[in-house]
Amino acid sequence: MKKRIVTFFILINCFFIQAQTYNEYVQKGDSCYKAQDYKLSVFYFEKAFKIEHKISDDLYNGACAAALSNDHKKAFEWLNLTIDNGYENIAYLQKDQDFESLRAKKEWRKLISKFQKKLNILEANYDKPLQKELLAIYAEDQDIREILMKIYKEKGIGNKSFDSINKLMGYKDSVNLKKVVKILDEKGWVGKNVVGSQANKTLFLVIQHSDLKYQQKYLPMMRDAVKKGNASANSLALLEDRVALRERHKQIYGSQISMIPGAKAFVLPLEDPDNVDKRRAEVGLGPIADYVKKWNIVWDVEAYKKELPELERISQERKTK
């Protein structure tokens, strides 16, 4: 297979170039959306979707930009693809203000009807009470963090608003943890075939935000759940990173960021920074350069390696306080 191996490597290289271009276009689309330049946002999302159109969250965001730019044809096209690729949150779709311009159109009624029929089939054997409980926990977990991130972007950390919301978040996390621990101990790591993908993800989110002893207890359960298809590998990677750092090791996937008052955010100590994107790709995570942009970090691997000893010192100092 020597000749084929050459072709294989060419294909792999093309795949990574293509994947990187896709991520770059999506990132630009998201940035233009946030800047309220919706037409330019649609331009970049369209370029991305010509390369790939299988990631429901990206398709959904592209549809938002299209609706807001009054490109209704693309909005409906991308919303249909969103549903076809596994999106399940019909309640959020129906209340999302980005789609206000679509709701009076006959295509909207067809879309919702199609969505509901698909959900009826998917949810026929769901544990509905458990799904409802987990979705409520999911909303509470994410809503408080969206508020905190907004304050961080506007004011940074070390201010009263940030500290107040952070304290409230800690309280909500403790309440949600008790509920999730009860579910895990009684039912195990229930899969999306039992509660749906979003409710299933709630289990990871709550454990990810818990104390180390709970993370250590349920990490093996989540590893087993990934093998059985009841949890996602990219979510597991985030939990692996958090546990590694708390156990005084380096993280593997670069998912954990530190924010220090009066200083820039930085990627916490990372094993083998040169190959982090390879490891991230193996578990379905995008390039670290794209990931860290939300914290206004510019990823430079050579600079990071030079700073790593100091980052390790800072990280250890914070753990001993």
C-alpha atoms as a PDB file:
ATOM      1  CA  MET A   1       0.000   0.000   0.000  1.00  0.00           C
ATOM      2  CA  LYS A   2       2.937   2.368  -0.368  1.00  0.00           C
ATOM      3  CA  LYS A   3       1.391   4.370  -3.211  1.00  0.00           C
ATOM      4  CA  ARG A   4      -1.929   4.378  -1.423  1.00  0.00           C
ATOM      5  CA  ILE A   5      -0.242   5.567   1.731  1.00  0.00           C
ATOM      6  CA  VAL A   6       1.033   8.630  -0.134  1.00  0.00           C
ATOM      7  CA  THR A   7      -2.500   9.299  -1.362  1.00  0.00           C
ATOM      8  CA  PHE A   8      -3.821   8.646   2.127  1.00  0.00           C
ATOM      9  CA  PHE A   9      -1.573  11.292   3.643  1.00  0.00           C
ATOM     10  CA  ILE A  10      -2.546  13.750   0.931  1.00  0.00           C
ATOM     11  CA  LEU A  11      -6.196  13.121   1.697  1.00  0.00           C
ATOM     12  CA  ILE A  12      -5.601  13.497   5.417  1.00  0.00           C
ATOM     13  CA  ASN A  13      -3.727  16.748   4.890  1.00  0.00           C
ATOM     14  CA  CYS A  14      -6.506  18.015   2.663  1.00  0.00           C
ATOM     15  CA  PHE A  15      -9.027  17.024   5.307  1.00  0.00           C
ATOM     16  CA  PHE A  16      -7.258  19.035   8.008  1.00  0.00           C
ATOM     17  CA  ILE A  17      -6.830  22.026   5.709  1.00  0.00           C
ATOM     18  CA  GLN A  18     -10.500  21.796   4.816  1.00  0.00           C
ATOM     19  CA  ALA A  19     -11.533  21.354   8.455  1.00  0.00           C
ATOM     20  CA  GLN A  20      -9.416  24.318   9.465  1.00  0.00           C
ATOM     21  CA  THR A  21     -10.958  26.431   6.699  1.00  0.00           C
ATOM     22  CA  TYR A  22     -14.426  25.358   7.801  1.00  0.00           C
ATOM     23  CA  ASN A  23     -13.680  26.405  11.391  1.00  0.00           C
ATOM     24  CA  GLU A  24     -12.225  29.699  10.211  1.00  0.00           C
ATOM     25  CA  TYR A  25     -15.328  30.491   8.166  1.00  0.00           C
ATOM     26  CA  VAL A  26     -17.625  29.577  11.059  1.00  0.00           C
ATOM     27  CA  GLN A  27     -15.555  31.723  13.421  1.00  0.00           C
ATOM     28  CA  LYS A  28     -15.833  34.669  11.026  1.00  0.00           C
ATOM     29  CA  GLY A  29     -19.552  34.045  10.639  1.00  0.00           C
ATOM     30  CA  ASP A  30     -19.993  34.078  14.415  1.00  0.00           C
ATOM     31  CA  SER A  31     -17.905  37.249  14.767  1.00  0.00           C
ATOM     32  CA  CYS A  32     -19.923  39.075  12.105  1.00  0.00           C
ATOM     33  CA  TYR A  33     -23.152  37.937  13.767  1.00  0.00           C
ATOM     34  CA  LYS A  34     -21.990  39.386  17.103  1.00  0.00           C
ATOM     35  CA  ALA A  35     -21.069  42.617  15.297  1.00  0.00           C
ATOM     36  CA  GLN A  36     -24.601  42.613  13.790  1.00  0.00           C
ATOM     37  CA  ASP A  37     -23.242  42.459  10.261  1.00  0.00           C
ATOM     38  CA  TYR A  38     -25.677  39.716   9.317  1.00  0.00           C
ATOM     39  CA  LYS A  39     -25.144  39.751   5.547  1.00  0.00           C
ATOM     40  CA  LEU A  40     -21.414  39.245   5.943  1.00  0.00           C
ATOM     41  CA  SER A  41     -22.120  36.585   8.558  1.00  0.00           C
ATOM     42  CA  VAL A  42     -24.270  34.707   6.009  1.00  0.00           C
ATOM     43  CA  PHE A  43     -21.468  35.053   3.448  1.00  0.00           C
ATOM     44  CA  TYR A  44     -19.005  33.241   5.729  1.00  0.00           C
ATOM     45  CA  PHE A  45     -21.486  30.604   6.903  1.00  0.00           C
ATOM     46  CA  GLU A  46     -22.329  29.835   3.286  1.00  0.00           C
ATOM     47  CA  LYS A  47     -18.647  29.264   2.530  1.00  0.00           C
ATOM     48  CA  ALA A  48     -18.404  26.965   5.550  1.00  0.00           C
ATOM     49  CA  PHE A  49     -21.484  24.946   4.589  1.00  0.00           C
ATOM     50  CA  LYS A  50     -20.161  24.368   1.081  1.00  0.00           C
ATOM     51  CA  ILE A  51     -17.346  22.472   2.780  1.00  0.00           C
ATOM     52  CA  GLU A  52     -19.476  20.675   5.366  1.00  0.00           C
ATOM     53  CA  HIS A  53     -23.037  20.889   6.647  1.00  0.00           C
ATOM     54  CA  LYS A  54     -23.338  18.339   9.435  1.00  0.00           C
ATOM     55  CA  ILE A  55     -22.855  20.341  12.638  1.00  0.00           C
ATOM     56  CA  SER A  56     -26.288  21.345  13.895  1.00  0.00           C
ATOM     57  CA  ASP A  57     -25.131  24.197  16.148  1.00  0.00           C
ATOM     58  CA  ASP A  58     -23.274  25.890  13.273  1.00  0.00           C
ATOM     59  CA  LEU A  59     -26.214  25.408  10.915  1.00  0.00           C
ATOM     60  CA  TYR A  60     -28.539  26.890  13.523  1.00  0.00           C
ATOM     61  CA  ASN A  61     -26.314  29.961  13.968  1.00  0.00           C
ATOM     62  CA  GLY A  62     -26.071  30.395  10.213  1.00  0.00           C
ATOM     63  CA  ALA A  63     -29.868  30.251   9.988  1.00  0.00           C
ATOM     64  CA  CYS A  64     -30.095  32.973  12.654  1.00  0.00           C
ATOM     65  CA  ALA A  65     -27.839  35.251  10.615  1.00  0.00           C
ATOM     66  CA  ALA A  66     -29.796  34.496   7.428  1.00  0.00           C
ATOM     67  CA  ALA A  67     -33.137  35.283   9.074  1.00  0.00           C
ATOM     68  CA  LEU A  68     -31.815  38.564  10.459  1.00  0.00           C
ATOM     69  CA  SER A  69     -30.468  39.549   7.040  1.00  0.00           C
ATOM     70  CA  ASN A  70     -33.889  38.721   5.516  1.00  0.00           C
ATOM     71  CA  ASP A  71     -32.425  35.890   3.446  1.00  0.00           C
ATOM     72  CA  HIS A  72     -35.389  33.679   4.280  1.00  0.00           C
ATOM     73  CA  LYS A  73     -34.610  31.027   1.689  1.00  0.00           C
ATOM     74  CA  LYS A  74     -31.218  30.268   3.243  1.00  0.00           C
ATOM     75  CA  ALA A  75     -32.652  30.523   6.752  1.00  0.00           C
ATOM     76  CA  PHE A  76     -35.199  27.778   6.053  1.00  0.00           C
ATOM     77  CA  GLU A  77     -32.671  25.686   4.142  1.00  0.00           C
ATOM     78  CA  TRP A  78     -30.203  25.780   7.041  1.00  0.00           C
ATOM     79  CA  LEU A  79     -32.903  25.240   9.668  1.00  0.00           C
ATOM     80  CA  ASN A  80     -34.042  22.110   7.847  1.00  0.00           C
ATOM     81  CA  LEU A  81     -30.443  20.894   7.790  1.00  0.00           C
ATOM     82  CA  THR A  82     -30.179  21.739  11.498  1.00  0.00           C
ATOM     83  CA  ILE A  83     -33.109  19.431  12.255  1.00  0.00           C
ATOM     84  CA  ASP A  84     -31.816  16.728   9.896  1.00  0.00           C
ATOM     85  CA  ASN A  85     -28.495  16.736  11.763  1.00  0.00           C
ATOM     86  CA  GLY A  86     -29.891  16.062  15.217  1.00  0.00           C
ATOM     87  CA  TYR A  87     -31.004  19.372  16.715  1.00  0.00           C
ATOM     88  CA  GLU A  88     -33.759  18.681  19.280  1.00  0.00           C
ATOM     89  CA  ASN A  89     -34.548  21.878  21.195  1.00  0.00           C
ATOM     90  CA  ILE A  90     -37.862  22.808  19.583  1.00  0.00           C
ATOM     91  CA  ALA A  91     -38.891  25.000  22.544  1.00  0.00           C
ATOM     92  CA  TYR A  92     -35.862  27.262  22.094  1.00  0.00           C
ATOM     93  CA  LEU A  93     -36.312  27.412  18.326  1.00  0.00           C
ATOM     94  CA  GLN A  94     -39.918  28.544  18.731  1.00  0.00           C
ATOM     95  CA  LYS A  95     -39.022  31.403  21.083  1.00  0.00           C
ATOM     96  CA  ASP A  96     -35.737  32.528  19.493  1.00  0.00           C
ATOM     97  CA  GLN A  97     -36.226  36.172  18.487  1.00  0.00           C
ATOM     98  CA  ASP A  98     -33.777  35.806  15.608  1.00  0.00           C
ATOM     99  CA  PHE A  99     -36.497  33.951  13.692  1.00  0.00           C
ATOM    100  CA  GLU A 100     -39.278  36.472  14.229  1.00  0.00           C
ATOM    101  CA  SER A 101     -39.334  37.361  10.525  1.00  0.00           C
ATOM    102  CA  LEU A 102     -39.973  33.725   9.591  1.00  0.00           C
ATOM    103  CA  ARG A 103     -42.899  32.878  11.837  1.00  0.00           C
ATOM    104  CA  ALA A 104     -45.684  34.280   9.634  1.00  0.00           C
ATOM    105  CA  LYS A 105     -44.541  32.258   6.620  1.00  0.00           C
ATOM    106  CA  LYS A 106     -46.031  28.930   5.563  1.00  0.00           C
ATOM    107  CA  GLU A 107     -42.529  27.421   5.472  1.00  0.00           C
ATOM    108  CA  TRP A 108     -42.292  28.005   9.222  1.00  0.00           C
ATOM    109  CA  ARG A 109     -45.400  25.925   9.887  1.00  0.00           C
ATOM    110  CA  LYS A 110     -44.038  23.139   7.681  1.00  0.00           C
ATOM    111  CA  LEU A 111     -40.703  23.300   9.496  1.00  0.00           C
ATOM    112  CA  ILE A 112     -42.255  23.056  12.960  1.00  0.00           C
ATOM    113  CA  SER A 113     -44.560  20.242  11.833  1.00  0.00           C
ATOM    114  CA  LYS A 114     -41.590  18.313  10.436  1.00  0.00           C
ATOM    115  CA  PHE A 115     -39.606  18.972  13.625  1.00  0.00           C
ATOM    116  CA  GLN A 116     -42.432  17.819  15.895  1.00  0.00           C
ATOM    117  CA  LYS A 117     -42.998  14.611  13.901  1.00  0.00           C
ATOM    118  CA  LYS A 118     -39.331  13.779  14.144  1.00  0.00           C
ATOM    119  CA  LEU A 119     -39.300  14.450  17.894  1.00  0.00           C
ATOM    120  CA  ASN A 120     -42.420  12.329  18.407  1.00  0.00           C
ATOM    121  CA  ILE A 121     -40.607   9.376  16.850  1.00  0.00           C
ATOM    122  CA  LEU A 122     -37.393  10.026  18.785  1.00  0.00           C
ATOM    123  CA  GLU A 123     -39.131  10.584  22.103  1.00  0.00           C
ATOM    124  CA  ALA A 124     -41.611   7.704  21.921  1.00  0.00           C
ATOM    125  CA  ASN A 125     -39.606   5.718  24.470  1.00  0.00           C
ATOM    126  CA  TYR A 126     -38.072   8.607  26.445  1.00  0.00           C
ATOM    127  CA  ASP A 127     -38.297   8.890  30.204  1.00  0.00           C
ATOM    128  CA  LYS A 128     -40.245  12.152  29.945  1.00  0.00           C
ATOM    129  CA  PRO A 129     -40.200  13.156  33.672  1.00  0.00           C
ATOM    130  CA  LEU A 130     -36.439  12.597  33.819  1.00  0.00           C
ATOM    131  CA  GLN A 131     -35.918  14.491  30.570  1.00  0.00           C
ATOM    132  CA  LYS A 132     -37.939  17.428  31.898  1.00  0.00           C
ATOM    133  CA  GLU A 133     -35.920  17.516  35.132  1.00  0.00           C
ATOM    134  CA  LEU A 134     -32.591  17.403  33.325  1.00  0.00           C
ATOM    135  CA  LEU A 135     -33.579  20.077  30.809  1.00  0.00           C
ATOM    136  CA  ALA A 136     -34.539  22.411  33.666  1.00  0.00           C
ATOM    137  CA  ILE A 137     -31.151  21.814  35.279  1.00  0.00           C
ATOM    138  CA  TYR A 138     -29.439  22.410  31.925  1.00  0.00           C
ATOM    139  CA  ALA A 139     -31.159  25.770  31.482  1.00  0.00           C
ATOM    140  CA  GLU A 140     -30.228  26.901  34.983  1.00  0.00           C
ATOM    141  CA  ASP A 141     -26.621  25.760  34.595  1.00  0.00           C
ATOM    142  CA  GLN A 142     -26.118  27.554  31.279  1.00  0.00           C
ATOM    143  CA  ASP A 143     -28.154  30.715  31.886  1.00  0.00           C
ATOM    144  CA  ILE A 144     -26.136  31.756  34.931  1.00  0.00           C
ATOM    145  CA  ARG A 145     -22.885  31.150  33.051  1.00  0.00           C
ATOM    146  CA  GLU A 146     -24.010  33.241  30.099  1.00  0.00           C
ATOM    147  CA  ILE A 147     -24.629  36.129  32.491  1.00  0.00           C
ATOM    148  CA  LEU A 148     -21.217  35.627  34.103  1.00  0.00           C
ATOM    149  CA  MET A 149     -19.431  35.525  30.730  1.00  0.00           C
ATOM    150  CA  LYS A 150     -21.215  38.699  29.632  1.00  0.00           C
ATOM    151  CA  ILE A 151     -20.024  40.511  32.778  1.00  0.00           C
ATOM    152  CA  TYR A 152     -16.518  39.165  32.235  1.00  0.00           C
ATOM    153  CA  LYS A 153     -16.413  40.504  28.677  1.00  0.00           C
ATOM    154  CA  GLU A 154     -17.762  43.904  29.732  1.00  0.00           C
ATOM    155  CA  LYS A 155     -15.998  44.452  33.053  1.00  0.00           C
ATOM    156  CA  GLY A 156     -13.501  41.637  33.573  1.00  0.00           C
ATOM    157  CA  ILE A 157     -13.296  39.934  36.964  1.00  0.00           C
ATOM    158  CA  GLY A 158     -12.707  41.311  40.435  1.00  0.00           C
ATOM    159  CA  ASN A 159     -15.794  43.567  40.444  1.00  0.00           C
ATOM    160  CA  LYS A 160     -18.964  43.354  42.564  1.00  0.00           C
ATOM    161  CA  SER A 161     -21.210  42.233  39.719  1.00  0.00           C
ATOM    162  CA  PHE A 162     -18.905  39.375  38.767  1.00  0.00           C
ATOM    163  CA  ASP A 163     -18.394  38.275  42.377  1.00  0.00           C
ATOM    164  CA  SER A 164     -22.128  38.374  43.111  1.00  0.00           C
ATOM    165  CA  ILE A 165     -23.103  36.268  40.086  1.00  0.00           C
ATOM    166  CA  ASN A 166     -20.191  33.909  40.708  1.00  0.00           C
ATOM    167  CA  LYS A 167     -21.424  33.310  44.257  1.00  0.00           C
ATOM    168  CA  LEU A 168     -24.981  32.706  43.043  1.00  0.00           C
ATOM    169  CA  MET A 169     -23.643  30.306  40.426  1.00  0.00           C
ATOM    170  CA  GLY A 170     -21.867  28.327  43.145  1.00  0.00           C
ATOM    171  CA  TYR A 171     -25.100  27.984  45.091  1.00  0.00           C
ATOM    172  CA  LYS A 172     -27.086  26.859  42.031  1.00  0.00           C
ATOM    173  CA  ASP A 173     -24.358  24.370  41.148  1.00  0.00           C
ATOM    174  CA  SER A 174     -24.559  22.782  44.606  1.00  0.00           C
ATOM    175  CA  VAL A 175     -28.338  22.363  44.343  1.00  0.00           C
ATOM    176  CA  ASN A 176     -28.111  20.912  40.830  1.00  0.00           C
ATOM    177  CA  LEU A 177     -25.314  18.552  41.873  1.00  0.00           C
ATOM    178  CA  LYS A 178     -27.506  16.885  44.495  1.00  0.00           C
ATOM    179  CA  LYS A 179     -30.158  16.219  41.853  1.00  0.00           C
ATOM    180  CA  VAL A 180     -27.694  14.824  39.309  1.00  0.00           C
ATOM    181  CA  VAL A 181     -25.850  12.657  41.838  1.00  0.00           C
ATOM    182  CA  LYS A 182     -29.174  11.066  42.770  1.00  0.00           C
ATOM    183  CA  ILE A 183     -29.892  10.336  39.093  1.00  0.00           C
ATOM    184  CA  LEU A 184     -26.424   8.887  38.463  1.00  0.00           C
ATOM    185  CA  ASP A 185     -26.497   6.702  41.565  1.00  0.00           C
ATOM    186  CA  GLU A 186     -29.973   5.374  40.838  1.00  0.00           C
ATOM    187  CA  LYS A 187     -30.067   5.180  37.025  1.00  0.00           C
ATOM    188  CA  GLY A 188     -26.470   5.410  35.859  1.00  0.00           C
ATOM    189  CA  TRP A 189     -25.300   7.638  32.997  1.00  0.00           C
ATOM    190  CA  VAL A 190     -28.533   7.666  31.001  1.00  0.00           C
ATOM    191  CA  GLY A 191     -28.029   8.059  27.259  1.00  0.00           C
ATOM    192  CA  LYS A 192     -29.684  10.338  24.733  1.00  0.00           C
ATOM    193  CA  ASN A 193     -31.870   7.398  23.692  1.00  0.00           C
ATOM    194  CA  VAL A 194     -33.509   7.707  27.136  1.00  0.00           C
ATOM    195  CA  VAL A 195     -33.683  11.488  27.649  1.00  0.00           C
ATOM    196  CA  GLY A 196     -32.499  13.182  24.433  1.00  0.00           C
ATOM    197  CA  SER A 197     -29.107  14.698  23.625  1.00  0.00           C
ATOM    198  CA  GLN A 198     -29.466  17.969  25.540  1.00  0.00           C
ATOM    199  CA  ALA A 199     -30.773  16.361  28.726  1.00  0.00           C
ATOM    200  CA  ASN A 200     -28.019  13.757  28.441  1.00  0.00           C
ATOM    201  CA  LYS A 201     -25.399  16.514  28.238  1.00  0.00           C
ATOM    202  CA  THR A 202     -26.699  17.951  31.527  1.00  0.00           C
ATOM    203  CA  LEU A 203     -25.097  15.070  33.433  1.00  0.00           C
ATOM    204  CA  PHE A 204     -21.653  16.049  32.144  1.00  0.00           C
ATOM    205  CA  LEU A 205     -22.143  19.774  32.696  1.00  0.00           C
ATOM    206  CA  VAL A 206     -23.100  19.429  36.346  1.00  0.00           C
ATOM    207  CA  ILE A 207     -20.267  16.996  37.141  1.00  0.00           C
ATOM    208  CA  GLN A 208     -17.832  19.216  35.213  1.00  0.00           C
ATOM    209  CA  HIS A 209     -18.770  22.082  37.539  1.00  0.00           C
ATOM    210  CA  SER A 210     -18.576  20.033  40.755  1.00  0.00           C
ATOM    211  CA  ASP A 211     -15.868  19.444  43.367  1.00  0.00           C
ATOM    212  CA  LEU A 212     -12.962  17.106  42.625  1.00  0.00           C
ATOM    213  CA  LYS A 213     -14.285  14.219  44.741  1.00  0.00           C
ATOM    214  CA  TYR A 214     -17.437  14.025  42.602  1.00  0.00           C
ATOM    215  CA  GLN A 215     -15.463  14.315  39.378  1.00  0.00           C
ATOM    216  CA  GLN A 216     -13.169  11.495  40.460  1.00  0.00           C
ATOM    217  CA  LYS A 217     -16.150   9.365  41.462  1.00  0.00           C
ATOM    218  CA  TYR A 218     -18.080   9.751  38.194  1.00  0.00           C
ATOM    219  CA  LEU A 219     -15.199  10.029  35.690  1.00  0.00           C
ATOM    220  CA  PRO A 220     -14.970   6.215  35.298  1.00  0.00           C
ATOM    221  CA  MET A 221     -18.747   6.091  34.810  1.00  0.00           C
ATOM    222  CA  MET A 222     -18.527   8.698  32.058  1.00  0.00           C
ATOM    223  CA  ARG A 223     -15.641   6.880  30.376  1.00  0.00           C
ATOM    224  CA  ASP A 224     -17.785   3.759  30.270  1.00  0.00           C
ATOM    225  CA  ALA A 225     -20.733   5.802  28.993  1.00  0.00           C
ATOM    226  CA  VAL A 226     -18.623   7.102  26.080  1.00  0.00           C
ATOM    227  CA  LYS A 227     -17.714   3.520  25.124  1.00  0.00           C
ATOM    228  CA  LYS A 228     -21.419   2.631  25.124  1.00  0.00           C
ATOM    229  CA  GLY A 229     -22.416   5.742  23.167  1.00  0.00           C
ATOM    230  CA  ASN A 230     -24.208   7.303  26.146  1.00  0.00           C
ATOM    231  CA  ALA A 231     -21.897  10.340  26.419  1.00  0.00           C
ATOM    232  CA  SER A 232     -19.759  12.315  23.977  1.00  0.00           C
ATOM    233  CA  ALA A 233     -15.982  11.980  23.706  1.00  0.00           C
ATOM    234  CA  ASN A 234     -15.479  15.749  23.478  1.00  0.00           C
ATOM    235  CA  SER A 235     -17.346  16.294  26.748  1.00  0.00           C
ATOM    236  CA  LEU A 236     -15.279  13.569  28.402  1.00  0.00           C
ATOM    237  CA  ALA A 237     -12.112  15.347  27.216  1.00  0.00           C
ATOM    238  CA  LEU A 238     -13.120  18.473  29.143  1.00  0.00           C
ATOM    239  CA  LEU A 239     -13.711  16.479  32.316  1.00  0.00           C
ATOM    240  CA  GLU A 240     -10.398  14.638  31.869  1.00  0.00           C
ATOM    241  CA  ASP A 241      -8.635  18.015  31.673  1.00  0.00           C
ATOM    242  CA  ARG A 242     -10.293  19.377  34.775  1.00  0.00           C
ATOM    243  CA  VAL A 243      -9.534  16.303  36.855  1.00  0.00           C
ATOM    244  CA  ALA A 244      -5.920  16.180  35.642  1.00  0.00           C
ATOM    245  CA  LEU A 245      -5.285  19.775  36.706  1.00  0.00           C
ATOM    246  CA  ARG A 246      -6.962  19.300  40.069  1.00  0.00           C
ATOM    247  CA  GLU A 247      -4.770  16.243  40.648  1.00  0.00           C
ATOM    248  CA  ARG A 248      -1.718  18.451  39.920  1.00  0.00           C
ATOM    249  CA  HIS A 249      -1.048  17.080  36.445  1.00  0.00           C
ATOM    250  CA  LYS A 250      -1.070  18.958  33.138  1.00  0.00           C
ATOM    251  CA  GLN A 251      -4.236  19.017  31.050  1.00  0.00           C
ATOM    252  CA  ILE A 252      -4.344  17.105  27.755  1.00  0.00           C
ATOM    253  CA  TYR A 253      -6.780  19.010  25.517  1.00  0.00           C
ATOM    254  CA  GLY A 254      -6.292  22.645  26.582  1.00  0.00           C
ATOM    255  CA  SER A 255      -9.905  23.150  27.588  1.00  0.00           C
ATOM    256  CA  GLN A 256      -9.260  24.784  30.950  1.00  0.00           C
ATOM    257  CA  ILE A 257      -8.660  28.537  31.084  1.00  0.00           C
ATOM    258  CA  SER A 258      -7.678  30.692  34.051  1.00  0.00           C
ATOM    259  CA  MET A 259      -8.837  34.268  34.602  1.00  0.00           C
ATOM    260  CA  ILE A 260      -6.823  36.318  37.098  1.00  0.00           C
ATOM    261  CA  PRO A 261      -7.925  39.819  38.193  1.00  0.00           C
ATOM    262  CA  GLY A 262      -5.822  42.474  36.463  1.00  0.00           C
ATOM    263  CA  ALA A 263      -4.234  39.976  34.064  1.00  0.00           C
ATOM    264  CA  LYS A 264      -5.038  38.333  30.754  1.00  0.00           C
ATOM    265  CA  ALA A 265      -6.739  34.957  30.628  1.00  0.00           C
ATOM    266  CA  PHE A 266      -4.413  32.053  29.822  1.00  0.00           C
ATOM    267  CA  VAL A 267      -4.493  28.340  29.027  1.00  0.00           C
ATOM    268  CA  LEU A 268      -3.656  26.383  32.169  1.00  0.00           C
ATOM    269  CA  PRO A 269      -0.574  24.070  32.030  1.00  0.00           C
ATOM    270  CA  LEU A 270      -0.847  21.833  28.983  1.00  0.00           C
ATOM    271  CA  GLU A 271       0.945  18.593  28.108  1.00  0.00           C
ATOM    272  CA  ASP A 272       2.753  18.556  24.735  1.00  0.00           C
ATOM    273  CA  PRO A 273       1.362  21.853  23.344  1.00  0.00           C
ATOM    274  CA  ASP A 274       2.738  21.111  19.855  1.00  0.00           C
ATOM    275  CA  ASN A 275       0.290  18.247  19.329  1.00  0.00           C
ATOM    276  CA  VAL A 276      -2.745  19.568  21.182  1.00  0.00           C
ATOM    277  CA  ASP A 277      -4.788  20.070  18.004  1.00  0.00           C
ATOM    278  CA  LYS A 278      -4.172  16.459  16.980  1.00  0.00           C
ATOM    279  CA  ARG A 279      -5.503  15.259  20.340  1.00  0.00           C
ATOM    280  CA  ARG A 280      -8.446  17.654  20.174  1.00  0.00           C
ATOM    281  CA  ALA A 281      -9.371  16.450  16.682  1.00  0.00           C
ATOM    282  CA  GLU A 282      -9.378  12.839  17.897  1.00  0.00           C
ATOM    283  CA  VAL A 283     -12.220  13.629  20.319  1.00  0.00           C
ATOM    284  CA  GLY A 284     -14.137  15.982  18.051  1.00  0.00           C
ATOM    285  CA  LEU A 285     -12.850  19.314  19.368  1.00  0.00           C
ATOM    286  CA  GLY A 286     -11.876  22.160  17.051  1.00  0.00           C
ATOM    287  CA  PRO A 287      -8.456  23.858  16.955  1.00  0.00           C
ATOM    288  CA  ILE A 288      -7.328  25.405  20.227  1.00  0.00           C
ATOM    289  CA  ALA A 289      -6.718  28.750  18.492  1.00  0.00           C
ATOM    290  CA  ASP A 290     -10.436  28.998  17.724  1.00  0.00           C
ATOM    291  CA  TYR A 291     -11.453  27.790  21.181  1.00  0.00           C
ATOM    292  CA  VAL A 292      -9.432  30.364  23.147  1.00  0.00           C
ATOM    293  CA  LYS A 293     -10.622  33.371  21.130  1.00  0.00           C
ATOM    294  CA  LYS A 294     -13.725  33.668  23.331  1.00  0.00           C
ATOM    295  CA  TRP A 295     -11.362  34.636  26.175  1.00  0.00           C
ATOM    296  CA  ASN A 296      -9.484  37.073  23.907  1.00  0.00           C
ATOM    297  CA  ILE A 297      -6.449  34.780  23.863  1.00  0.00           C
ATOM    298  CA  VAL A 298      -4.270  34.642  20.753  1.00  0.00           C
ATOM    299  CA  TRP A 299      -2.777  31.153  20.560  1.00  0.00           C
ATOM    300  CA  ASP A 300       0.956  31.087  19.829  1.00  0.00           C
ATOM    301  CA  VAL A 301       2.408  27.685  20.666  1.00  0.00           C
ATOM    302  CA  GLU A 302       6.042  28.839  20.760  1.00  0.00           C
ATOM    303  CA  ALA A 303       5.230  31.729  23.080  1.00  0.00           C
ATOM    304  CA  TYR A 304       3.117  29.394  25.226  1.00  0.00           C
ATOM    305  CA  LYS A 305       5.984  26.921  25.648  1.00  0.00           C
ATOM    306  CA  LYS A 306       8.251  29.729  26.843  1.00  0.00           C
ATOM    307  CA  GLU A 307       5.609  30.900  29.310  1.00  0.00           C
ATOM    308  CA  LEU A 308       4.731  27.397  30.530  1.00  0.00           C
ATOM    309  CA  PRO A 309       7.124  27.252  33.541  1.00  0.00           C
ATOM    310  CA  GLU A 310       5.683  30.542  34.823  1.00  0.00           C
ATOM    311  CA  LEU A 311       2.122  29.360  34.177  1.00  0.00           C
ATOM    312  CA  GLU A 312       2.853  26.192  36.152  1.00  0.00           C
ATOM    313  CA  ARG A 313       4.193  28.282  39.028  1.00  0.00           C
ATOM    314  CA  ILE A 314       1.111  30.518  39.043  1.00  0.00           C
ATOM    315  CA  SER A 315      -1.188  27.510  38.842  1.00  0.00           C
ATOM    316  CA  GLN A 316       0.515  25.773  41.771  1.00  0.00           C
ATOM    317  CA  GLU A 317       0.465  28.951  43.857  1.00  0.00           C
ATOM    318  CA  ARG A 318      -3.276  29.309  43.359  1.00  0.00           C
ATOM    319  CA  LYS A 319      -3.850  25.708  44.422  1.00  0.00           C
ATOM    320  CA  THR A 320      -1.960  26.170  47.685  1.00  0.00           C
ATOM    321  CA  LYS A 321      -3.872  29.310  48.717  1.00  0.00           C
END
